[in-house]
Structure formats: structure tokens, C-alpha cells
Amino acid sequence: MLVSVNNQPVELPPGATTLNLLLQQLQFADKKGIAVAIQDQIIPRSTWPAYALQENDKVTIIQATQGG
């Protein structure tokens, strides 16, 4: 399945159809301070394990940074 992550195409392996599995593949699953939107709608972290991705979903991952 092909999805877009931060405007870059990502091919998911067979069976990797949940948001949580995508984040594991991209090494974001255990990170704090990230937010995820799909089709410009924020997805609550509590739903990531069960959130089913669809072909051509537009996924945006935002990571908080510190600065001054």
C-alpha cells in the first residue's frame, strides 16, 4: 500500500495497515512530542494502534522542538 508521509511516498509492507505500524516502520512509535494528521485531520494518539490507513492517505507527522 502506498501512502504519503510529509509529502514523500512510502510503500507499506503487506499487513502494515495501521497508523501505529507505519509509525513503527518510520521509528516514530515511541517518541514523545509528535502529532499525526491524516488528510489534514489530527488523529488522537490513543487511536493510533487501531487507526486503519487507506491507499493514498496523506499523513503529516509533526515533531515538537525546543527553541527560543
PDB file of N, CA and C in Angstrom:
ATOM      1  N   MET A   1       0.849  -1.168   0.000  1.00  0.00           N
ATOM      2  CA  MET A   1       0.000   0.000   0.000  1.00  0.00           C
ATOM      3  C   MET A   1       0.900   1.238   0.000  1.00  0.00           C
ATOM      4  N   LEU A   2       0.516   2.221  -0.764  1.00  0.00           N
ATOM      5  CA  LEU A   2       1.283   3.459  -0.882  1.00  0.00           C
ATOM      6  C   LEU A   2       0.558   4.584  -0.153  1.00  0.00           C
ATOM      7  N   VAL A   3       1.294   5.280   0.730  1.00  0.00           N
ATOM      8  CA  VAL A   3       0.777   6.467   1.400  1.00  0.00           C
ATOM      9  C   VAL A   3       1.811   7.577   1.241  1.00  0.00           C
ATOM     10  N   SER A   4       1.410   8.784   1.540  1.00  0.00           N
ATOM     11  CA  SER A   4       2.317   9.924   1.509  1.00  0.00           C
ATOM     12  C   SER A   4       2.582  10.353   2.949  1.00  0.00           C
ATOM     13  N   VAL A   5       3.860  10.466   3.318  1.00  0.00           N
ATOM     14  CA  VAL A   5       4.232  10.912   4.657  1.00  0.00           C
ATOM     15  C   VAL A   5       5.062  12.173   4.507  1.00  0.00           C
ATOM     16  N   ASN A   6       4.529  13.279   5.000  1.00  0.00           N
ATOM     17  CA  ASN A   6       5.198  14.580   4.860  1.00  0.00           C
ATOM     18  C   ASN A   6       5.610  14.818   3.407  1.00  0.00           C
ATOM     19  N   ASN A   7       4.682  14.546   2.505  1.00  0.00           N
ATOM     20  CA  ASN A   7       4.833  14.756   1.063  1.00  0.00           C
ATOM     21  C   ASN A   7       5.851  13.835   0.397  1.00  0.00           C
ATOM     22  N   GLN A   8       6.209  12.734   1.052  1.00  0.00           N
ATOM     23  CA  GLN A   8       7.112  11.744   0.471  1.00  0.00           C
ATOM     24  C   GLN A   8       6.370  10.411   0.368  1.00  0.00           C
ATOM     25  N   PRO A   9       6.449   9.733  -0.770  1.00  0.00           N
ATOM     26  CA  PRO A   9       5.769   8.441  -0.890  1.00  0.00           C
ATOM     27  C   PRO A   9       6.433   7.380  -0.010  1.00  0.00           C
ATOM     28  N   VAL A  10       5.600   6.598   0.658  1.00  0.00           N
ATOM     29  CA  VAL A  10       6.079   5.500   1.499  1.00  0.00           C
ATOM     30  C   VAL A  10       5.273   4.263   1.145  1.00  0.00           C
ATOM     31  N   GLU A  11       5.978   3.202   0.781  1.00  0.00           N
ATOM     32  CA  GLU A  11       5.331   1.922   0.470  1.00  0.00           C
ATOM     33  C   GLU A  11       5.306   1.094   1.747  1.00  0.00           C
ATOM     34  N   LEU A  12       4.113   0.691   2.152  1.00  0.00           N
ATOM     35  CA  LEU A  12       3.972  -0.122   3.354  1.00  0.00           C
ATOM     36  C   LEU A  12       4.019  -1.599   2.992  1.00  0.00           C
ATOM     37  N   PRO A  13       4.681  -2.401   3.818  1.00  0.00           N
ATOM     38  CA  PRO A  13       4.706  -3.840   3.546  1.00  0.00           C
ATOM     39  C   PRO A  13       3.321  -4.448   3.750  1.00  0.00           C
ATOM     40  N   PRO A  14       3.062  -5.586   3.147  1.00  0.00           N
ATOM     41  CA  PRO A  14       1.763  -6.243   3.325  1.00  0.00           C
ATOM     42  C   PRO A  14       1.449  -6.446   4.810  1.00  0.00           C
ATOM     43  N   GLY A  15       0.234  -6.123   5.193  1.00  0.00           N
ATOM     44  CA  GLY A  15      -0.194  -6.286   6.575  1.00  0.00           C
ATOM     45  C   GLY A  15       0.052  -5.076   7.451  1.00  0.00           C
ATOM     46  N   ALA A  16       0.875  -4.138   7.015  1.00  0.00           N
ATOM     47  CA  ALA A  16       1.153  -2.934   7.802  1.00  0.00           C
ATOM     48  C   ALA A  16       0.136  -1.868   7.433  1.00  0.00           C
ATOM     49  N   THR A  17      -1.056  -2.017   7.955  1.00  0.00           N
ATOM     50  CA  THR A  17      -2.144  -1.139   7.525  1.00  0.00           C
ATOM     51  C   THR A  17      -2.652  -0.214   8.619  1.00  0.00           C
ATOM     52  N   THR A  18      -2.013  -0.207   9.785  1.00  0.00           N
ATOM     53  CA  THR A  18      -2.456   0.711  10.827  1.00  0.00           C
ATOM     54  C   THR A  18      -1.453   1.851  10.972  1.00  0.00           C
ATOM     55  N   LEU A  19      -1.937   2.939  11.512  1.00  0.00           N
ATOM     56  CA  LEU A  19      -1.082   4.100  11.737  1.00  0.00           C
ATOM     57  C   LEU A  19       0.076   3.738  12.662  1.00  0.00           C
ATOM     58  N   ASN A  20      -0.199   2.968  13.696  1.00  0.00           N
ATOM     59  CA  ASN A  20       0.852   2.585  14.635  1.00  0.00           C
ATOM     60  C   ASN A  20       1.963   1.792  13.944  1.00  0.00           C
ATOM     61  N   LEU A  21       1.600   0.883  13.040  1.00  0.00           N
ATOM     62  CA  LEU A  21       2.615   0.105  12.315  1.00  0.00           C
ATOM     63  C   LEU A  21       3.438   0.994  11.388  1.00  0.00           C
ATOM     64  N   LEU A  22       2.796   1.979  10.761  1.00  0.00           N
ATOM     65  CA  LEU A  22       3.539   2.936   9.938  1.00  0.00           C
ATOM     66  C   LEU A  22       4.540   3.697  10.799  1.00  0.00           C
ATOM     67  N   LEU A  23       4.102   4.172  11.960  1.00  0.00           N
ATOM     68  CA  LEU A  23       4.987   4.927  12.841  1.00  0.00           C
ATOM     69  C   LEU A  23       6.134   4.059  13.354  1.00  0.00           C
ATOM     70  N   GLN A  24       5.877   2.780  13.598  1.00  0.00           N
ATOM     71  CA  GLN A  24       6.955   1.865  13.984  1.00  0.00           C
ATOM     72  C   GLN A  24       7.968   1.738  12.850  1.00  0.00           C
ATOM     73  N   GLN A  25       7.478   1.581  11.639  1.00  0.00           N
ATOM     74  CA  GLN A  25       8.363   1.451  10.475  1.00  0.00           C
ATOM     75  C   GLN A  25       9.242   2.687  10.322  1.00  0.00           C
ATOM     76  N   LEU A  26       8.684   3.854  10.610  1.00  0.00           N
ATOM     77  CA  LEU A  26       9.417   5.115  10.468  1.00  0.00           C
ATOM     78  C   LEU A  26      10.170   5.504  11.742  1.00  0.00           C
ATOM     79  N   GLN A  27      10.130   4.645  12.764  1.00  0.00           N
ATOM     80  CA  GLN A  27      10.791   4.848  14.052  1.00  0.00           C
ATOM     81  C   GLN A  27      10.267   6.067  14.804  1.00  0.00           C
ATOM     82  N   PHE A  28       8.962   6.287  14.725  1.00  0.00           N
ATOM     83  CA  PHE A  28       8.306   7.358  15.468  1.00  0.00           C
ATOM     84  C   PHE A  28       7.415   6.826  16.586  1.00  0.00           C
ATOM     85  N   ALA A  29       7.148   5.534  16.639  1.00  0.00           N
ATOM     86  CA  ALA A  29       6.117   4.982  17.519  1.00  0.00           C
ATOM     87  C   ALA A  29       6.329   5.310  18.993  1.00  0.00           C
ATOM     88  N   ASP A  30       7.560   5.299  19.471  1.00  0.00           N
ATOM     89  CA  ASP A  30       7.816   5.503  20.896  1.00  0.00           C
ATOM     90  C   ASP A  30       8.244   6.926  21.238  1.00  0.00           C
ATOM     91  N   LYS A  31       8.245   7.799  20.265  1.00  0.00           N
ATOM     92  CA  LYS A  31       8.695   9.167  20.511  1.00  0.00           C
ATOM     93  C   LYS A  31       7.587   9.998  21.143  1.00  0.00           C
ATOM     94  N   LYS A  32       7.998  10.876  22.021  1.00  0.00           N
ATOM     95  CA  LYS A  32       7.075  11.829  22.642  1.00  0.00           C
ATOM     96  C   LYS A  32       7.109  13.119  21.825  1.00  0.00           C
ATOM     97  N   GLY A  33       6.069  13.917  21.953  1.00  0.00           N
ATOM     98  CA  GLY A  33       6.057  15.218  21.313  1.00  0.00           C
ATOM     99  C   GLY A  33       5.789  15.198  19.824  1.00  0.00           C
ATOM    100  N   ILE A  34       5.095  14.160  19.341  1.00  0.00           N
ATOM    101  CA  ILE A  34       4.727  14.162  17.927  1.00  0.00           C
ATOM    102  C   ILE A  34       3.212  14.182  17.801  1.00  0.00           C
ATOM    103  N   ALA A  35       2.767  14.750  16.718  1.00  0.00           N
ATOM    104  CA  ALA A  35       1.347  14.767  16.370  1.00  0.00           C
ATOM    105  C   ALA A  35       1.225  14.233  14.955  1.00  0.00           C
ATOM    106  N   VAL A  36       0.102  13.582  14.683  1.00  0.00           N
ATOM    107  CA  VAL A  36      -0.123  12.998  13.368  1.00  0.00           C
ATOM    108  C   VAL A  36      -1.468  13.472  12.844  1.00  0.00           C
ATOM    109  N   ALA A  37      -1.466  13.889  11.582  1.00  0.00           N
ATOM    110  CA  ALA A  37      -2.704  14.244  10.889  1.00  0.00           C
ATOM    111  C   ALA A  37      -2.807  13.381   9.640  1.00  0.00           C
ATOM    112  N   ILE A  38      -4.015  12.989   9.322  1.00  0.00           N
ATOM    113  CA  ILE A  38      -4.281  12.263   8.087  1.00  0.00           C
ATOM    114  C   ILE A  38      -5.366  13.030   7.356  1.00  0.00           C
ATOM    115  N   GLN A  39      -5.076  13.361   6.094  1.00  0.00           N
ATOM    116  CA  GLN A  39      -5.966  14.206   5.298  1.00  0.00           C
ATOM    117  C   GLN A  39      -6.268  15.506   6.070  1.00  0.00           C
ATOM    118  N   ASP A  40      -5.247  16.062   6.731  1.00  0.00           N
ATOM    119  CA  ASP A  40      -5.328  17.325   7.472  1.00  0.00           C
ATOM    120  C   ASP A  40      -6.226  17.266   8.702  1.00  0.00           C
ATOM    121  N   GLN A  41      -6.499  16.072   9.225  1.00  0.00           N
ATOM    122  CA  GLN A  41      -7.282  15.918  10.450  1.00  0.00           C
ATOM    123  C   GLN A  41      -6.394  15.256  11.505  1.00  0.00           C
ATOM    124  N   ILE A  42      -6.256  15.918  12.670  1.00  0.00           N
ATOM    125  CA  ILE A  42      -5.427  15.380  13.748  1.00  0.00           C
ATOM    126  C   ILE A  42      -6.020  14.060  14.239  1.00  0.00           C
ATOM    127  N   ILE A  43      -5.150  13.068  14.410  1.00  0.00           N
ATOM    128  CA  ILE A  43      -5.565  11.753  14.884  1.00  0.00           C
ATOM    129  C   ILE A  43      -5.097  11.607  16.335  1.00  0.00           C
ATOM    130  N   PRO A  44      -6.019  11.409  17.286  1.00  0.00           N
ATOM    131  CA  PRO A  44      -5.614  11.262  18.688  1.00  0.00           C
ATOM    132  C   PRO A  44      -4.673  10.069  18.881  1.00  0.00           C
ATOM    133  N   ARG A  45      -3.659  10.272  19.688  1.00  0.00           N
ATOM    134  CA  ARG A  45      -2.657   9.226  19.924  1.00  0.00           C
ATOM    135  C   ARG A  45      -3.298   7.927  20.411  1.00  0.00           C
ATOM    136  N   SER A  46      -4.350   8.027  21.195  1.00  0.00           N
ATOM    137  CA  SER A  46      -4.997   6.827  21.738  1.00  0.00           C
ATOM    138  C   SER A  46      -5.598   5.945  20.647  1.00  0.00           C
ATOM    139  N   THR A  47      -5.820   6.493  19.453  1.00  0.00           N
ATOM    140  CA  THR A  47      -6.421   5.707  18.369  1.00  0.00           C
ATOM    141  C   THR A  47      -5.390   5.179  17.370  1.00  0.00           C
ATOM    142  N   TRP A  48      -4.128   5.538  17.512  1.00  0.00           N
ATOM    143  CA  TRP A  48      -3.102   5.117  16.555  1.00  0.00           C
ATOM    144  C   TRP A  48      -3.031   3.606  16.355  1.00  0.00           C
ATOM    145  N   PRO A  49      -3.088   2.787  17.425  1.00  0.00           N
ATOM    146  CA  PRO A  49      -2.961   1.337  17.207  1.00  0.00           C
ATOM    147  C   PRO A  49      -4.060   0.740  16.330  1.00  0.00           C
ATOM    148  N   ALA A  50      -5.242   1.314  16.348  1.00  0.00           N
ATOM    149  CA  ALA A  50      -6.361   0.737  15.593  1.00  0.00           C
ATOM    150  C   ALA A  50      -6.712   1.535  14.340  1.00  0.00           C
ATOM    151  N   TYR A  51      -6.081   2.692  14.141  1.00  0.00           N
ATOM    152  CA  TYR A  51      -6.447   3.534  13.002  1.00  0.00           C
ATOM    153  C   TYR A  51      -5.999   2.879  11.699  1.00  0.00           C
ATOM    154  N   ALA A  52      -6.949   2.535  10.855  1.00  0.00           N
ATOM    155  CA  ALA A  52      -6.656   1.843   9.591  1.00  0.00           C
ATOM    156  C   ALA A  52      -6.308   2.849   8.498  1.00  0.00           C
ATOM    157  N   LEU A  53      -5.133   2.685   7.925  1.00  0.00           N
ATOM    158  CA  LEU A  53      -4.716   3.522   6.804  1.00  0.00           C
ATOM    159  C   LEU A  53      -5.376   3.042   5.520  1.00  0.00           C
ATOM    160  N   GLN A  54      -5.560   3.975   4.599  1.00  0.00           N
ATOM    161  CA  GLN A  54      -6.127   3.675   3.292  1.00  0.00           C
ATOM    162  C   GLN A  54      -5.094   4.022   2.218  1.00  0.00           C
ATOM    163  N   GLU A  55      -5.199   3.359   1.090  1.00  0.00           N
ATOM    164  CA  GLU A  55      -4.331   3.656  -0.052  1.00  0.00           C
ATOM    165  C   GLU A  55      -4.358   5.158  -0.340  1.00  0.00           C
ATOM    166  N   ASN A  56      -3.188   5.744  -0.556  1.00  0.00           N
ATOM    167  CA  ASN A  56      -3.012   7.158  -0.910  1.00  0.00           C
ATOM    168  C   ASN A  56      -3.357   8.136   0.208  1.00  0.00           C
ATOM    169  N   ASP A  57      -3.434   7.667   1.468  1.00  0.00           N
ATOM    170  CA  ASP A  57      -3.636   8.599   2.574  1.00  0.00           C
ATOM    171  C   ASP A  57      -2.482   9.593   2.616  1.00  0.00           C
ATOM    172  N   LYS A  58      -2.808  10.828   2.985  1.00  0.00           N
ATOM    173  CA  LYS A  58      -1.809  11.885   3.157  1.00  0.00           C
ATOM    174  C   LYS A  58      -1.554  12.023   4.658  1.00  0.00           C
ATOM    175  N   VAL A  59      -0.394  11.541   5.106  1.00  0.00           N
ATOM    176  CA  VAL A  59      -0.039  11.535   6.521  1.00  0.00           C
ATOM    177  C   VAL A  59       0.957  12.660   6.778  1.00  0.00           C
ATOM    178  N   THR A  60       0.679  13.461   7.793  1.00  0.00           N
ATOM    179  CA  THR A  60       1.594  14.522   8.193  1.00  0.00           C
ATOM    180  C   THR A  60       2.039  14.235   9.619  1.00  0.00           C
ATOM    181  N   ILE A  61       3.352  14.167   9.829  1.00  0.00           N
ATOM    182  CA  ILE A  61       3.915  13.941  11.157  1.00  0.00           C
ATOM    183  C   ILE A  61       4.640  15.212  11.565  1.00  0.00           C
ATOM    184  N   ILE A  62       4.266  15.737  12.729  1.00  0.00           N
ATOM    185  CA  ILE A  62       4.866  16.969  13.238  1.00  0.00           C
ATOM    186  C   ILE A  62       5.534  16.644  14.563  1.00  0.00           C
ATOM    187  N   GLN A  63       6.788  17.048  14.705  1.00  0.00           N
ATOM    188  CA  GLN A  63       7.521  16.805  15.941  1.00  0.00           C
ATOM    189  C   GLN A  63       7.815  18.132  16.616  1.00  0.00           C
ATOM    190  N   ALA A  64       7.461  18.222  17.909  1.00  0.00           N
ATOM    191  CA  ALA A  64       7.719  19.436  18.675  1.00  0.00           C
ATOM    192  C   ALA A  64       9.221  19.614  18.869  1.00  0.00           C
ATOM    193  N   THR A  65       9.654  20.859  18.833  1.00  0.00           N
ATOM    194  CA  THR A  65      11.061  21.168  19.080  1.00  0.00           C
ATOM    195  C   THR A  65      11.149  22.283  20.108  1.00  0.00           C
ATOM    196  N   GLN A  66      12.274  22.355  20.776  1.00  0.00           N
ATOM    197  CA  GLN A  66      12.502  23.416  21.741  1.00  0.00           C
ATOM    198  C   GLN A  66      13.320  24.512  21.079  1.00  0.00           C
ATOM    199  N   GLY A  67      13.109  25.682  21.546  1.00  0.00           N
ATOM    200  CA  GLY A  67      13.882  26.787  20.998  1.00  0.00           C
ATOM    201  C   GLY A  67      13.501  28.078  21.687  1.00  0.00           C
ATOM    202  N   GLY A  68      14.156  29.098  21.316  1.00  0.00           N
ATOM    203  CA  GLY A  68      13.860  30.334  21.996  1.00  0.00           C
ATOM    204  C   GLY A  68      13.996  31.460  21.134  1.00  0.00           C
TER     205      GLY A  68
END
